[in-house]
Structures are given as structure tokens and as C-alpha cells.
PDB file of N, CA and C in Angstrom:
ATOM      1  N   MET A   1     -14.280 -12.716   5.246  1.00  0.00           N
ATOM      2  CA  MET A   1     -14.041 -11.296   5.344  1.00  0.00           C
ATOM      3  C   MET A   1     -14.639 -10.777   6.652  1.00  0.00           C
ATOM      4  N   ALA A   2     -13.995  -9.738   7.202  1.00  0.00           N
ATOM      5  CA  ALA A   2     -14.478  -9.105   8.425  1.00  0.00           C
ATOM      6  C   ALA A   2     -14.326  -7.599   8.304  1.00  0.00           C
ATOM      7  N   VAL A   3     -15.283  -6.884   8.858  1.00  0.00           N
ATOM      8  CA  VAL A   3     -15.174  -5.437   8.950  1.00  0.00           C
ATOM      9  C   VAL A   3     -14.563  -5.135  10.318  1.00  0.00           C
ATOM     10  N   ILE A   4     -13.424  -4.459  10.293  1.00  0.00           N
ATOM     11  CA  ILE A   4     -12.721  -4.071  11.506  1.00  0.00           C
ATOM     12  C   ILE A   4     -12.945  -2.574  11.693  1.00  0.00           C
ATOM     13  N   ASN A   5     -13.430  -2.194  12.862  1.00  0.00           N
ATOM     14  CA  ASN A   5     -13.719  -0.791  13.160  1.00  0.00           C
ATOM     15  C   ASN A   5     -12.658  -0.247  14.111  1.00  0.00           C
ATOM     16  N   PHE A   6     -11.930   0.742  13.640  1.00  0.00           N
ATOM     17  CA  PHE A   6     -10.915   1.405  14.448  1.00  0.00           C
ATOM     18  C   PHE A   6     -11.499   2.710  14.964  1.00  0.00           C
ATOM     19  N   ILE A   7     -11.320   2.974  16.247  1.00  0.00           N
ATOM     20  CA  ILE A   7     -11.747   4.235  16.846  1.00  0.00           C
ATOM     21  C   ILE A   7     -10.470   4.989  17.215  1.00  0.00           C
ATOM     22  N   THR A   8     -10.278   6.142  16.606  1.00  0.00           N
ATOM     23  CA  THR A   8      -9.068   6.919  16.864  1.00  0.00           C
ATOM     24  C   THR A   8      -9.175   7.638  18.210  1.00  0.00           C
ATOM     25  N   GLN A   9      -8.068   8.193  18.658  1.00  0.00           N
ATOM     26  CA  GLN A   9      -8.062   8.958  19.901  1.00  0.00           C
ATOM     27  C   GLN A   9      -8.967  10.187  19.814  1.00  0.00           C
ATOM     28  N   GLU A  10      -9.240  10.657  18.611  1.00  0.00           N
ATOM     29  CA  GLU A  10     -10.137  11.792  18.423  1.00  0.00           C
ATOM     30  C   GLU A  10     -11.602  11.349  18.341  1.00  0.00           C
ATOM     31  N   GLY A  11     -11.856  10.039  18.412  1.00  0.00           N
ATOM     32  CA  GLY A  11     -13.217   9.522  18.373  1.00  0.00           C
ATOM     33  C   GLY A  11     -13.736   9.205  16.981  1.00  0.00           C
ATOM     34  N   GLU A  12     -12.890   9.349  15.964  1.00  0.00           N
ATOM     35  CA  GLU A  12     -13.306   9.032  14.590  1.00  0.00           C
ATOM     36  C   GLU A  12     -13.355   7.519  14.405  1.00  0.00           C
ATOM     37  N   LYS A  13     -14.421   7.043  13.784  1.00  0.00           N
ATOM     38  CA  LYS A  13     -14.561   5.619  13.489  1.00  0.00           C
ATOM     39  C   LYS A  13     -14.163   5.372  12.040  1.00  0.00           C
ATOM     40  N   ILE A  14     -13.223   4.458  11.859  1.00  0.00           N
ATOM     41  CA  ILE A  14     -12.761   4.094  10.516  1.00  0.00           C
ATOM     42  C   ILE A  14     -12.999   2.598  10.343  1.00  0.00           C
ATOM     43  N   SER A  15     -13.820   2.229   9.379  1.00  0.00           N
ATOM     44  CA  SER A  15     -14.155   0.831   9.122  1.00  0.00           C
ATOM     45  C   SER A  15     -13.394   0.337   7.905  1.00  0.00           C
ATOM     46  N   VAL A  16     -12.751  -0.826   8.063  1.00  0.00           N
ATOM     47  CA  VAL A  16     -11.922  -1.390   7.006  1.00  0.00           C
ATOM     48  C   VAL A  16     -12.249  -2.877   6.873  1.00  0.00           C
ATOM     49  N   GLU A  17     -12.354  -3.353   5.641  1.00  0.00           N
ATOM     50  CA  GLU A  17     -12.587  -4.775   5.403  1.00  0.00           C
ATOM     51  C   GLU A  17     -11.257  -5.497   5.296  1.00  0.00           C
ATOM     52  N   GLY A  18     -11.185  -6.655   5.947  1.00  0.00           N
ATOM     53  CA  GLY A  18      -9.983  -7.466   5.884  1.00  0.00           C
ATOM     54  C   GLY A  18     -10.332  -8.927   5.710  1.00  0.00           C
ATOM     55  N   THR A  19      -9.428  -9.674   5.101  1.00  0.00           N
ATOM     56  CA  THR A  19      -9.678 -11.098   4.881  1.00  0.00           C
ATOM     57  C   THR A  19      -8.634 -11.989   5.546  1.00  0.00           C
ATOM     58  N   SER A  20      -7.416 -11.499   5.704  1.00  0.00           N
ATOM     59  CA  SER A  20      -6.367 -12.323   6.298  1.00  0.00           C
ATOM     60  C   SER A  20      -5.260 -11.441   6.853  1.00  0.00           C
ATOM     61  N   GLY A  21      -4.322 -12.058   7.538  1.00  0.00           N
ATOM     62  CA  GLY A  21      -3.216 -11.328   8.145  1.00  0.00           C
ATOM     63  C   GLY A  21      -3.608 -10.790   9.507  1.00  0.00           C
ATOM     64  N   SER A  22      -2.750  -9.957  10.053  1.00  0.00           N
ATOM     65  CA  SER A  22      -3.026  -9.397  11.373  1.00  0.00           C
ATOM     66  C   SER A  22      -3.769  -8.072  11.257  1.00  0.00           C
ATOM     67  N   ILE A  23      -4.378  -7.690  12.347  1.00  0.00           N
ATOM     68  CA  ILE A  23      -5.057  -6.396  12.391  1.00  0.00           C
ATOM     69  C   ILE A  23      -4.043  -5.278  12.198  1.00  0.00           C
ATOM     70  N   MET A  24      -2.846  -5.423  12.738  1.00  0.00           N
ATOM     71  CA  MET A  24      -1.805  -4.413  12.560  1.00  0.00           C
ATOM     72  C   MET A  24      -1.455  -4.248  11.090  1.00  0.00           C
ATOM     73  N   GLU A  25      -1.335  -5.337  10.365  1.00  0.00           N
ATOM     74  CA  GLU A  25      -1.027  -5.264   8.932  1.00  0.00           C
ATOM     75  C   GLU A  25      -2.123  -4.515   8.186  1.00  0.00           C
ATOM     76  N   LEU A  26      -3.369  -4.801   8.524  1.00  0.00           N
ATOM     77  CA  LEU A  26      -4.488  -4.115   7.900  1.00  0.00           C
ATOM     78  C   LEU A  26      -4.447  -2.624   8.226  1.00  0.00           C
ATOM     79  N   ALA A  27      -4.240  -2.301   9.488  1.00  0.00           N
ATOM     80  CA  ALA A  27      -4.221  -0.897   9.927  1.00  0.00           C
ATOM     81  C   ALA A  27      -3.109  -0.104   9.256  1.00  0.00           C
ATOM     82  N   THR A  28      -1.933  -0.684   9.171  1.00  0.00           N
ATOM     83  CA  THR A  28      -0.818   0.049   8.552  1.00  0.00           C
ATOM     84  C   THR A  28      -1.007   0.171   7.051  1.00  0.00           C
ATOM     85  N   SER A  29      -1.659  -0.801   6.434  1.00  0.00           N
ATOM     86  CA  SER A  29      -1.866  -0.739   4.984  1.00  0.00           C
ATOM     87  C   SER A  29      -2.814   0.382   4.576  1.00  0.00           C
ATOM     88  N   VAL A  30      -3.696   0.783   5.496  1.00  0.00           N
ATOM     89  CA  VAL A  30      -4.637   1.859   5.189  1.00  0.00           C
ATOM     90  C   VAL A  30      -4.309   3.154   5.936  1.00  0.00           C
ATOM     91  N   GLY A  31      -3.226   3.149   6.703  1.00  0.00           N
ATOM     92  CA  GLY A  31      -2.759   4.365   7.357  1.00  0.00           C
ATOM     93  C   GLY A  31      -3.541   4.811   8.581  1.00  0.00           C
ATOM     94  N   ILE A  32      -3.959   3.868   9.419  1.00  0.00           N
ATOM     95  CA  ILE A  32      -4.644   4.242  10.656  1.00  0.00           C
ATOM     96  C   ILE A  32      -3.637   4.929  11.583  1.00  0.00           C
ATOM     97  N   ALA A  33      -3.894   6.181  11.920  1.00  0.00           N
ATOM     98  CA  ALA A  33      -2.989   6.949  12.784  1.00  0.00           C
ATOM     99  C   ALA A  33      -2.898   6.313  14.171  1.00  0.00           C
ATOM    100  N   GLY A  34      -1.672   6.202  14.682  1.00  0.00           N
ATOM    101  CA  GLY A  34      -1.447   5.645  16.004  1.00  0.00           C
ATOM    102  C   GLY A  34      -1.146   4.165  16.003  1.00  0.00           C
ATOM    103  N   LEU A  35      -1.293   3.501  14.864  1.00  0.00           N
ATOM    104  CA  LEU A  35      -0.943   2.078  14.744  1.00  0.00           C
ATOM    105  C   LEU A  35       0.206   1.969  13.755  1.00  0.00           C
ATOM    106  N   ASP A  36       1.414   2.029  14.300  1.00  0.00           N
ATOM    107  CA  ASP A  36       2.597   2.108  13.450  1.00  0.00           C
ATOM    108  C   ASP A  36       3.217   0.755  13.100  1.00  0.00           C
ATOM    109  N   GLY A  37       3.203  -0.177  14.013  1.00  0.00           N
ATOM    110  CA  GLY A  37       3.785  -1.489  13.742  1.00  0.00           C
ATOM    111  C   GLY A  37       5.267  -1.409  13.429  1.00  0.00           C
ATOM    112  N   ASP A  38       6.009  -0.636  14.217  1.00  0.00           N
ATOM    113  CA  ASP A  38       7.431  -0.408  13.942  1.00  0.00           C
ATOM    114  C   ASP A  38       8.263  -1.688  13.854  1.00  0.00           C
ATOM    115  N   CYS A  39       7.906  -2.716  14.613  1.00  0.00           N
ATOM    116  CA  CYS A  39       8.705  -3.950  14.606  1.00  0.00           C
ATOM    117  C   CYS A  39       8.281  -4.904  13.490  1.00  0.00           C
ATOM    118  N   GLY A  40       7.274  -4.531  12.724  1.00  0.00           N
ATOM    119  CA  GLY A  40       6.832  -5.379  11.627  1.00  0.00           C
ATOM    120  C   GLY A  40       5.940  -6.532  12.044  1.00  0.00           C
ATOM    121  N   GLY A  41       5.495  -6.520  13.280  1.00  0.00           N
ATOM    122  CA  GLY A  41       4.557  -7.548  13.728  1.00  0.00           C
ATOM    123  C   GLY A  41       5.164  -8.694  14.495  1.00  0.00           C
ATOM    124  N   VAL A  42       6.355  -8.504  15.052  1.00  0.00           N
ATOM    125  CA  VAL A  42       7.000  -9.593  15.791  1.00  0.00           C
ATOM    126  C   VAL A  42       6.873  -9.433  17.304  1.00  0.00           C
ATOM    127  N   CYS A  43       5.953  -8.586  17.731  1.00  0.00           N
ATOM    128  CA  CYS A  43       5.625  -8.436  19.152  1.00  0.00           C
ATOM    129  C   CYS A  43       6.808  -7.925  19.971  1.00  0.00           C
ATOM    130  N   SER A  44       7.470  -6.882  19.455  1.00  0.00           N
ATOM    131  CA  SER A  44       8.610  -6.374  20.205  1.00  0.00           C
ATOM    132  C   SER A  44       8.640  -4.856  20.351  1.00  0.00           C
ATOM    133  N   CYS A  45       7.510  -4.164  20.092  1.00  0.00           N
ATOM    134  CA  CYS A  45       7.579  -2.708  20.211  1.00  0.00           C
ATOM    135  C   CYS A  45       6.335  -2.055  20.821  1.00  0.00           C
ATOM    136  N   ALA A  46       5.191  -2.663  20.746  1.00  0.00           N
ATOM    137  CA  ALA A  46       3.929  -2.130  21.280  1.00  0.00           C
ATOM    138  C   ALA A  46       3.432  -0.869  20.569  1.00  0.00           C
ATOM    139  N   THR A  47       3.898  -0.611  19.345  1.00  0.00           N
ATOM    140  CA  THR A  47       3.394   0.550  18.598  1.00  0.00           C
ATOM    141  C   THR A  47       2.107   0.228  17.843  1.00  0.00           C
ATOM    142  N   CYS A  48       1.529  -0.922  18.124  1.00  0.00           N
ATOM    143  CA  CYS A  48       0.245  -1.300  17.518  1.00  0.00           C
ATOM    144  C   CYS A  48      -0.790  -1.591  18.599  1.00  0.00           C
ATOM    145  N   HIS A  49      -0.615  -0.967  19.750  1.00  0.00           N
ATOM    146  CA  HIS A  49      -1.456  -1.167  20.931  1.00  0.00           C
ATOM    147  C   HIS A  49      -2.888  -0.691  20.685  1.00  0.00           C
ATOM    148  N   VAL A  50      -3.838  -1.559  21.004  1.00  0.00           N
ATOM    149  CA  VAL A  50      -5.259  -1.222  20.906  1.00  0.00           C
ATOM    150  C   VAL A  50      -5.989  -1.697  22.155  1.00  0.00           C
ATOM    151  N   TYR A  51      -7.167  -1.118  22.362  1.00  0.00           N
ATOM    152  CA  TYR A  51      -8.072  -1.572  23.408  1.00  0.00           C
ATOM    153  C   TYR A  51      -9.220  -2.299  22.721  1.00  0.00           C
ATOM    154  N   VAL A  52      -9.482  -3.522  23.152  1.00  0.00           N
ATOM    155  CA  VAL A  52     -10.522  -4.350  22.547  1.00  0.00           C
ATOM    156  C   VAL A  52     -11.857  -4.071  23.230  1.00  0.00           C
ATOM    157  N   ASN A  53     -12.884  -3.814  22.427  1.00  0.00           N
ATOM    158  CA  ASN A  53     -14.236  -3.617  22.929  1.00  0.00           C
ATOM    159  C   ASN A  53     -14.632  -4.831  23.762  1.00  0.00           C
ATOM    160  N   GLU A  54     -15.256  -4.587  24.903  1.00  0.00           N
ATOM    161  CA  GLU A  54     -15.614  -5.651  25.850  1.00  0.00           C
ATOM    162  C   GLU A  54     -16.383  -6.798  25.186  1.00  0.00           C
ATOM    163  N   THR A  55     -17.259  -6.485  24.259  1.00  0.00           N
ATOM    164  CA  THR A  55     -18.054  -7.506  23.582  1.00  0.00           C
ATOM    165  C   THR A  55     -17.185  -8.541  22.876  1.00  0.00           C
ATOM    166  N   TYR A  56     -16.008  -8.127  22.414  1.00  0.00           N
ATOM    167  CA  TYR A  56     -15.155  -9.008  21.617  1.00  0.00           C
ATOM    168  C   TYR A  56     -13.969  -9.590  22.377  1.00  0.00           C
ATOM    169  N   ARG A  57     -13.820  -9.269  23.636  1.00  0.00           N
ATOM    170  CA  ARG A  57     -12.638  -9.745  24.377  1.00  0.00           C
ATOM    171  C   ARG A  57     -12.525 -11.263  24.398  1.00  0.00           C
ATOM    172  N   LYS A  58     -13.614 -11.960  24.639  1.00  0.00           N
ATOM    173  CA  LYS A  58     -13.568 -13.423  24.666  1.00  0.00           C
ATOM    174  C   LYS A  58     -13.302 -13.990  23.278  1.00  0.00           C
ATOM    175  N   ILE A  59     -13.836 -13.365  22.264  1.00  0.00           N
ATOM    176  CA  ILE A  59     -13.636 -13.840  20.891  1.00  0.00           C
ATOM    177  C   ILE A  59     -12.172 -13.677  20.486  1.00  0.00           C
ATOM    178  N   VAL A  60     -11.588 -12.529  20.823  1.00  0.00           N
ATOM    179  CA  VAL A  60     -10.187 -12.273  20.498  1.00  0.00           C
ATOM    180  C   VAL A  60      -9.273 -13.178  21.325  1.00  0.00           C
ATOM    181  N   GLY A  61      -9.652 -13.408  22.565  1.00  0.00           N
ATOM    182  CA  GLY A  61      -8.863 -14.250  23.444  1.00  0.00           C
ATOM    183  C   GLY A  61      -7.837 -13.454  24.231  1.00  0.00           C
ATOM    184  N   GLU A  62      -7.183 -14.149  25.122  1.00  0.00           N
ATOM    185  CA  GLU A  62      -6.172 -13.534  25.977  1.00  0.00           C
ATOM    186  C   GLU A  62      -4.831 -13.451  25.261  1.00  0.00           C
ATOM    187  N   ALA A  63      -4.041 -12.486  25.680  1.00  0.00           N
ATOM    188  CA  ALA A  63      -2.690 -12.327  25.141  1.00  0.00           C
ATOM    189  C   ALA A  63      -1.796 -13.470  25.615  1.00  0.00           C
ATOM    190  N   GLU A  64      -0.870 -13.858  24.748  1.00  0.00           N
ATOM    191  CA  GLU A  64       0.134 -14.853  25.114  1.00  0.00           C
ATOM    192  C   GLU A  64       1.172 -14.191  26.028  1.00  0.00           C
ATOM    193  N   LYS A  65       2.024 -14.993  26.635  1.00  0.00           N
ATOM    194  CA  LYS A  65       2.999 -14.514  27.616  1.00  0.00           C
ATOM    195  C   LYS A  65       3.875 -13.374  27.080  1.00  0.00           C
ATOM    196  N   ILE A  66       4.430 -13.526  25.897  1.00  0.00           N
ATOM    197  CA  ILE A  66       5.334 -12.505  25.352  1.00  0.00           C
ATOM    198  C   ILE A  66       4.610 -11.184  25.114  1.00  0.00           C
ATOM    199  N   GLU A  67       3.360 -11.267  24.673  1.00  0.00           N
ATOM    200  CA  GLU A  67       2.564 -10.057  24.458  1.00  0.00           C
ATOM    201  C   GLU A  67       2.257  -9.380  25.796  1.00  0.00           C
ATOM    202  N   LYS A  68       1.898 -10.161  26.798  1.00  0.00           N
ATOM    203  CA  LYS A  68       1.634  -9.598  28.123  1.00  0.00           C
ATOM    204  C   LYS A  68       2.871  -8.890  28.665  1.00  0.00           C
ATOM    205  N   GLU A  69       4.031  -9.506  28.474  1.00  0.00           N
ATOM    206  CA  GLU A  69       5.272  -8.896  28.945  1.00  0.00           C
ATOM    207  C   GLU A  69       5.545  -7.580  28.231  1.00  0.00           C
ATOM    208  N   MET A  70       5.293  -7.527  26.936  1.00  0.00           N
ATOM    209  CA  MET A  70       5.497  -6.290  26.175  1.00  0.00           C
ATOM    210  C   MET A  70       4.540  -5.205  26.668  1.00  0.00           C
ATOM    211  N   LEU A  71       3.306  -5.559  26.947  1.00  0.00           N
ATOM    212  CA  LEU A  71       2.323  -4.586  27.411  1.00  0.00           C
ATOM    213  C   LEU A  71       2.629  -4.069  28.818  1.00  0.00           C
ATOM    214  N   GLU A  72       3.330  -4.872  29.634  1.00  0.00           N
ATOM    215  CA  GLU A  72       3.689  -4.426  30.978  1.00  0.00           C
ATOM    216  C   GLU A  72       4.543  -3.162  30.952  1.00  0.00           C
ATOM    217  N   PHE A  73       5.280  -2.947  29.872  1.00  0.00           N
ATOM    218  CA  PHE A  73       6.151  -1.794  29.749  1.00  0.00           C
ATOM    219  C   PHE A  73       5.438  -0.576  29.158  1.00  0.00           C
ATOM    220  N   ASP A  74       4.198  -0.747  28.773  1.00  0.00           N
ATOM    221  CA  ASP A  74       3.437   0.344  28.163  1.00  0.00           C
ATOM    222  C   ASP A  74       2.581   1.011  29.234  1.00  0.00           C
ATOM    223  N   GLU A  75       2.846   2.272  29.500  1.00  0.00           N
ATOM    224  CA  GLU A  75       2.118   2.993  30.548  1.00  0.00           C
ATOM    225  C   GLU A  75       0.636   3.173  30.228  1.00  0.00           C
ATOM    226  N   LEU A  76       0.254   2.964  28.978  1.00  0.00           N
ATOM    227  CA  LEU A  76      -1.148   3.098  28.579  1.00  0.00           C
ATOM    228  C   LEU A  76      -1.930   1.786  28.659  1.00  0.00           C
ATOM    229  N   ALA A  77      -1.274   0.710  29.067  1.00  0.00           N
ATOM    230  CA  ALA A  77      -1.920  -0.603  29.089  1.00  0.00           C
ATOM    231  C   ALA A  77      -3.060  -0.658  30.101  1.00  0.00           C
ATOM    232  N   LYS A  78      -4.117  -1.351  29.682  1.00  0.00           N
ATOM    233  CA  LYS A  78      -5.300  -1.583  30.509  1.00  0.00           C
ATOM    234  C   LYS A  78      -5.635  -3.069  30.439  1.00  0.00           C
ATOM    235  N   GLU A  79      -6.658  -3.451  31.156  1.00  0.00           N
ATOM    236  CA  GLU A  79      -7.082  -4.855  31.174  1.00  0.00           C
ATOM    237  C   GLU A  79      -7.484  -5.357  29.786  1.00  0.00           C
ATOM    238  N   ASN A  80      -8.029  -4.478  28.953  1.00  0.00           N
ATOM    239  CA  ASN A  80      -8.493  -4.877  27.626  1.00  0.00           C
ATOM    240  C   ASN A  80      -7.476  -4.561  26.521  1.00  0.00           C
ATOM    241  N   SER A  81      -6.219  -4.356  26.897  1.00  0.00           N
ATOM    242  CA  SER A  81      -5.171  -4.053  25.920  1.00  0.00           C
ATOM    243  C   SER A  81      -4.732  -5.288  25.162  1.00  0.00           C
ATOM    244  N   ARG A  82      -4.441  -5.087  23.895  1.00  0.00           N
ATOM    245  CA  ARG A  82      -3.831  -6.126  23.057  1.00  0.00           C
ATOM    246  C   ARG A  82      -2.917  -5.434  22.059  1.00  0.00           C
ATOM    247  N   LEU A  83      -1.976  -6.188  21.532  1.00  0.00           N
ATOM    248  CA  LEU A  83      -1.154  -5.721  20.423  1.00  0.00           C
ATOM    249  C   LEU A  83      -1.816  -6.232  19.159  1.00  0.00           C
ATOM    250  N   SER A  84      -2.147  -5.317  18.266  1.00  0.00           N
ATOM    251  CA  SER A  84      -2.912  -5.715  17.086  1.00  0.00           C
ATOM    252  C   SER A  84      -2.122  -6.615  16.147  1.00  0.00           C
ATOM    253  N   CYS A  85      -0.807  -6.659  16.293  1.00  0.00           N
ATOM    254  CA  CYS A  85      -0.008  -7.578  15.473  1.00  0.00           C
ATOM    255  C   CYS A  85      -0.237  -9.029  15.873  1.00  0.00           C
ATOM    256  N   GLN A  86      -0.807  -9.236  17.039  1.00  0.00           N
ATOM    257  CA  GLN A  86      -1.039 -10.588  17.541  1.00  0.00           C
ATOM    258  C   GLN A  86      -2.480 -11.051  17.376  1.00  0.00           C
ATOM    259  N   ILE A  87      -3.295 -10.239  16.713  1.00  0.00           N
ATOM    260  CA  ILE A  87      -4.696 -10.599  16.467  1.00  0.00           C
ATOM    261  C   ILE A  87      -4.870 -10.865  14.978  1.00  0.00           C
ATOM    262  N   GLU A  88      -5.172 -12.099  14.645  1.00  0.00           N
ATOM    263  CA  GLU A  88      -5.368 -12.492  13.249  1.00  0.00           C
ATOM    264  C   GLU A  88      -6.808 -12.215  12.823  1.00  0.00           C
ATOM    265  N   ILE A  89      -6.947 -11.688  11.635  1.00  0.00           N
ATOM    266  CA  ILE A  89      -8.273 -11.399  11.085  1.00  0.00           C
ATOM    267  C   ILE A  89      -8.984 -12.699  10.728  1.00  0.00           C
ATOM    268  N   SER A  90     -10.235 -12.790  11.142  1.00  0.00           N
ATOM    269  CA  SER A  90     -11.089 -13.920  10.765  1.00  0.00           C
ATOM    270  C   SER A  90     -12.529 -13.422  10.755  1.00  0.00           C
ATOM    271  N   GLU A  91     -13.410 -14.215  10.191  1.00  0.00           N
ATOM    272  CA  GLU A  91     -14.817 -13.833  10.112  1.00  0.00           C
ATOM    273  C   GLU A  91     -15.435 -13.626  11.493  1.00  0.00           C
ATOM    274  N   LYS A  92     -14.921 -14.310  12.505  1.00  0.00           N
ATOM    275  CA  LYS A  92     -15.484 -14.164  13.849  1.00  0.00           C
ATOM    276  C   LYS A  92     -15.253 -12.770  14.425  1.00  0.00           C
ATOM    277  N   LEU A  93     -14.337 -12.008  13.839  1.00  0.00           N
ATOM    278  CA  LEU A  93     -14.071 -10.641  14.292  1.00  0.00           C
ATOM    279  C   LEU A  93     -14.914  -9.592  13.569  1.00  0.00           C
ATOM    280  N   ASP A  94     -15.792 -10.034  12.681  1.00  0.00           N
ATOM    281  CA  ASP A  94     -16.608  -9.092  11.917  1.00  0.00           C
ATOM    282  C   ASP A  94     -17.359  -8.151  12.851  1.00  0.00           C
ATOM    283  N   GLY A  95     -17.128  -6.851  12.691  1.00  0.00           N
ATOM    284  CA  GLY A  95     -17.793  -5.834  13.488  1.00  0.00           C
ATOM    285  C   GLY A  95     -17.026  -5.390  14.722  1.00  0.00           C
ATOM    286  N   ILE A  96     -15.883  -5.969  14.985  1.00  0.00           N
ATOM    287  CA  ILE A  96     -15.087  -5.632  16.177  1.00  0.00           C
ATOM    288  C   ILE A  96     -14.750  -4.150  16.206  1.00  0.00           C
ATOM    289  N   GLU A  97     -14.715  -3.579  17.396  1.00  0.00           N
ATOM    290  CA  GLU A  97     -14.280  -2.205  17.581  1.00  0.00           C
ATOM    291  C   GLU A  97     -12.995  -2.216  18.401  1.00  0.00           C
ATOM    292  N   LEU A  98     -11.999  -1.546  17.869  1.00  0.00           N
ATOM    293  CA  LEU A  98     -10.708  -1.448  18.530  1.00  0.00           C
ATOM    294  C   LEU A  98     -10.363   0.032  18.691  1.00  0.00           C
ATOM    295  N   ILE A  99     -10.089   0.431  19.909  1.00  0.00           N
ATOM    296  CA  ILE A  99      -9.705   1.819  20.162  1.00  0.00           C
ATOM    297  C   ILE A  99      -8.181   1.902  20.076  1.00  0.00           C
ATOM    298  N   VAL A 100      -7.696   2.813  19.251  1.00  0.00           N
ATOM    299  CA  VAL A 100      -6.260   3.024  19.099  1.00  0.00           C
ATOM    300  C   VAL A 100      -5.740   3.649  20.390  1.00  0.00           C
ATOM    301  N   ALA A 101      -4.698   3.062  20.979  1.00  0.00           N
ATOM    302  CA  ALA A 101      -4.192   3.537  22.265  1.00  0.00           C
ATOM    303  C   ALA A 101      -3.409   4.836  22.161  1.00  0.00           C
ATOM    304  N   ARG A 102      -2.784   5.094  21.007  1.00  0.00           N
ATOM    305  CA  ARG A 102      -1.948   6.281  20.839  1.00  0.00           C
ATOM    306  C   ARG A 102      -2.491   7.151  19.706  1.00  0.00           C
ATOM    307  N   GLU A 103      -2.042   8.392  19.717  1.00  0.00           N
ATOM    308  CA  GLU A 103      -2.405   9.321  18.647  1.00  0.00           C
ATOM    309  C   GLU A 103      -1.568   9.060  17.423  1.00  0.00           C
TER     310      GLU A 103
END
């Protein structure tokens, strides 16, 4: 199990426990605003865009080619951007902070 901390655009911190699946699946299941997952997690829409806290960037790892290409089209993309549909929940992510890129 891991506690995933979402920081909304308004600065609200929402902590959610997860055991498996993607971060996007967890976020949509609890209604985190700004993480819509319109494509269902197949890395084709960028509606689950998050910024990964610097402390966890190495743990989360780098985006794969298709994810990087999808993020290139997002005007909000930064160096620490990831699509939450491509991040699998594991115990190593316990305590991670992810800033929601959209409202």
C-alpha cells in the first residue's frame, strides 16, 4: 500500500491510499479535480497530467517515448511532468506528492 498525495491547483492536499493500478485510476476513482483520464489510461489524451515532486522523480522514473510525445503537445508540460496513467502504484511511491497540472 502507498499513500499518494495530490496537490490541487488551489493548493489543497488530498491524500489517498492505493494498492495497485495506475495513479490515474486511483485519482479518478476518488474524484480528484483536474485528473480526468478521458482516454481510460492508454496514454492518448494527457488529461491526467501531473508534476512529480523532485524527491520522487528518480523513483517514478522517466517517461517512455509515447508519453514524452503526448506531453510535447501539452502547453503546461515541464521537466517534471508525467501522465499519471503511466505511473503504477507501488510501495516505493508511499508519500509521493503530485501536483495536478489542470483545474
